[in-house]
Amino acid sequence: MSGEYRVDPEAIRRFGRTSATRADQVREIRAQLGGHWLQPGSFGKLPESDEIAADYQERHEAAVVNLISAADTMERIAEHADALARSYENADQAVVENMQAMTKGLGA
């Protein structure tokens, strides 16, 4: 069985662009979420409300940090996809150049 496969660098780039778009979308969500906070009194006046408010604030801050991390990861995926596409193109070009050199060397 041959292990031949074909790679379409443009398809890899398209995937990378979708990842860059997702990074932008996640950053927009983060910007919107980061601007919304519930007031401390939003959780009522029972003794547990302070604990609930603290838990909410902790989770809210963690969500914002996680969204930043997710956007950065999407951005890195986009960058690596582009580099991968270039790598495939460079490898293909090197093969072509080597084949041409061999052909010239054989006097063809």
Protein backbone atom coordinates (compact mmCIF):
# COMPACT_ATOMS: atom_id res chain seq x y z
CA MET A 1 0.00 0.00 0.00
CA SER A 2 1.44 3.34 -1.02
CA GLY A 3 1.16 6.05 1.67
CA GLU A 4 0.71 8.75 -0.92
CA TYR A 5 -1.39 11.73 -0.08
CA ARG A 6 -1.81 15.22 -1.42
CA VAL A 7 -1.67 18.42 0.55
CA ASP A 8 -3.39 21.59 -0.58
CA PRO A 9 -1.51 24.52 0.99
CA GLU A 10 -4.38 26.87 0.18
CA ALA A 11 -6.77 24.64 2.14
CA ILE A 12 -4.39 24.85 5.09
CA ARG A 13 -4.34 28.65 4.72
CA ARG A 14 -8.16 28.75 4.62
CA PHE A 15 -8.23 26.78 7.85
CA GLY A 16 -5.72 29.22 9.33
CA ARG A 17 -7.89 32.17 8.33
CA THR A 18 -10.91 30.59 10.04
CA SER A 19 -8.79 30.24 13.16
CA ALA A 20 -7.77 33.90 12.95
CA THR A 21 -11.45 34.82 12.59
CA ARG A 22 -12.28 32.73 15.66
CA ALA A 23 -9.53 34.54 17.58
CA ASP A 24 -11.12 37.88 16.69
CA GLN A 25 -14.55 36.62 17.69
CA VAL A 26 -13.30 35.30 21.03
CA ARG A 27 -11.57 38.62 21.71
CA GLU A 28 -14.84 40.44 21.00
CA ILE A 29 -16.70 38.13 23.41
CA ARG A 30 -14.00 38.76 26.00
CA ALA A 31 -14.30 42.52 25.53
CA GLN A 32 -18.06 42.37 25.99
CA LEU A 33 -17.90 40.00 28.95
CA GLY A 34 -15.12 41.97 30.61
CA GLY A 35 -17.30 45.06 30.64
CA HIS A 36 -20.22 43.41 32.45
CA TRP A 37 -20.15 42.94 36.19
CA LEU A 38 -22.96 42.23 38.59
CA GLN A 39 -23.15 44.57 41.54
CA PRO A 40 -22.25 43.03 44.91
CA GLY A 41 -25.85 43.50 46.10
CA SER A 42 -27.15 41.47 43.16
CA PHE A 43 -26.92 38.28 45.19
CA GLY A 44 -29.26 39.36 47.95
CA LYS A 45 -28.76 40.16 51.59
CA LEU A 46 -28.50 36.71 53.09
CA PRO A 47 -25.20 35.77 54.78
CA GLU A 48 -24.34 33.47 51.86
CA SER A 49 -24.68 36.29 49.34
CA ASP A 50 -21.18 37.59 50.05
CA GLU A 51 -19.75 34.15 49.39
CA ILE A 52 -21.80 33.82 46.22
CA ALA A 53 -20.66 37.27 45.06
CA ALA A 54 -17.02 36.36 45.70
CA ASP A 55 -17.45 33.08 43.83
CA TYR A 56 -19.10 34.93 40.93
CA GLN A 57 -16.26 37.44 40.75
CA GLU A 58 -13.64 34.67 40.82
CA ARG A 59 -15.39 32.74 38.05
CA HIS A 60 -15.94 35.89 36.00
CA GLU A 61 -12.25 36.80 36.17
CA ALA A 62 -11.26 33.21 35.29
CA ALA A 63 -13.58 33.26 32.29
CA VAL A 64 -12.01 36.48 31.03
CA VAL A 65 -8.50 35.04 31.43
CA ASN A 66 -9.55 31.81 29.71
CA LEU A 67 -11.02 33.74 26.79
CA ILE A 68 -7.74 35.62 26.38
CA SER A 69 -5.90 32.30 26.37
CA ALA A 70 -8.35 30.80 23.85
CA ALA A 71 -7.97 33.78 21.51
CA ASP A 72 -4.18 33.58 21.74
CA THR A 73 -4.32 29.86 20.98
CA MET A 74 -6.52 30.47 17.93
CA GLU A 75 -4.05 33.12 16.75
CA ARG A 76 -1.12 30.70 17.15
CA ILE A 77 -3.02 28.03 15.21
CA ALA A 78 -3.51 30.53 12.38
CA GLU A 79 0.19 31.41 12.36
CA HIS A 80 1.26 27.76 12.42
CA ALA A 81 -1.18 26.84 9.65
CA ASP A 82 0.33 29.53 7.44
CA ALA A 83 3.86 28.34 8.25
CA LEU A 84 2.83 24.75 7.50
CA ALA A 85 1.43 25.77 4.11
CA ARG A 86 4.68 27.60 3.29
CA SER A 87 6.66 24.56 4.40
CA TYR A 88 4.74 22.27 2.03
CA GLU A 89 5.19 24.75 -0.81
CA ASN A 90 8.93 25.05 -0.10
CA ALA A 91 9.30 21.28 0.01
CA ASP A 92 7.45 20.91 -3.29
CA GLN A 93 9.61 23.61 -4.86
CA ALA A 94 12.78 21.90 -3.62
CA VAL A 95 11.65 18.61 -5.18
CA VAL A 96 10.98 20.37 -8.50
CA GLU A 97 14.39 22.05 -8.42
CA ASN A 98 16.13 18.77 -7.59
CA MET A 99 14.32 16.97 -10.41
CA GLN A 100 15.29 19.74 -12.84
CA ALA A 101 18.93 19.54 -11.71
CA MET A 102 18.93 15.77 -12.18
CA THR A 103 17.38 16.13 -15.63
CA LYS A 104 20.06 18.66 -16.64
CA GLY A 105 22.73 16.38 -15.22
CA LEU A 106 21.50 13.53 -17.41
CA GLY A 107 21.70 15.76 -20.47
CA ALA A 108 17.97 15.85 -21.10
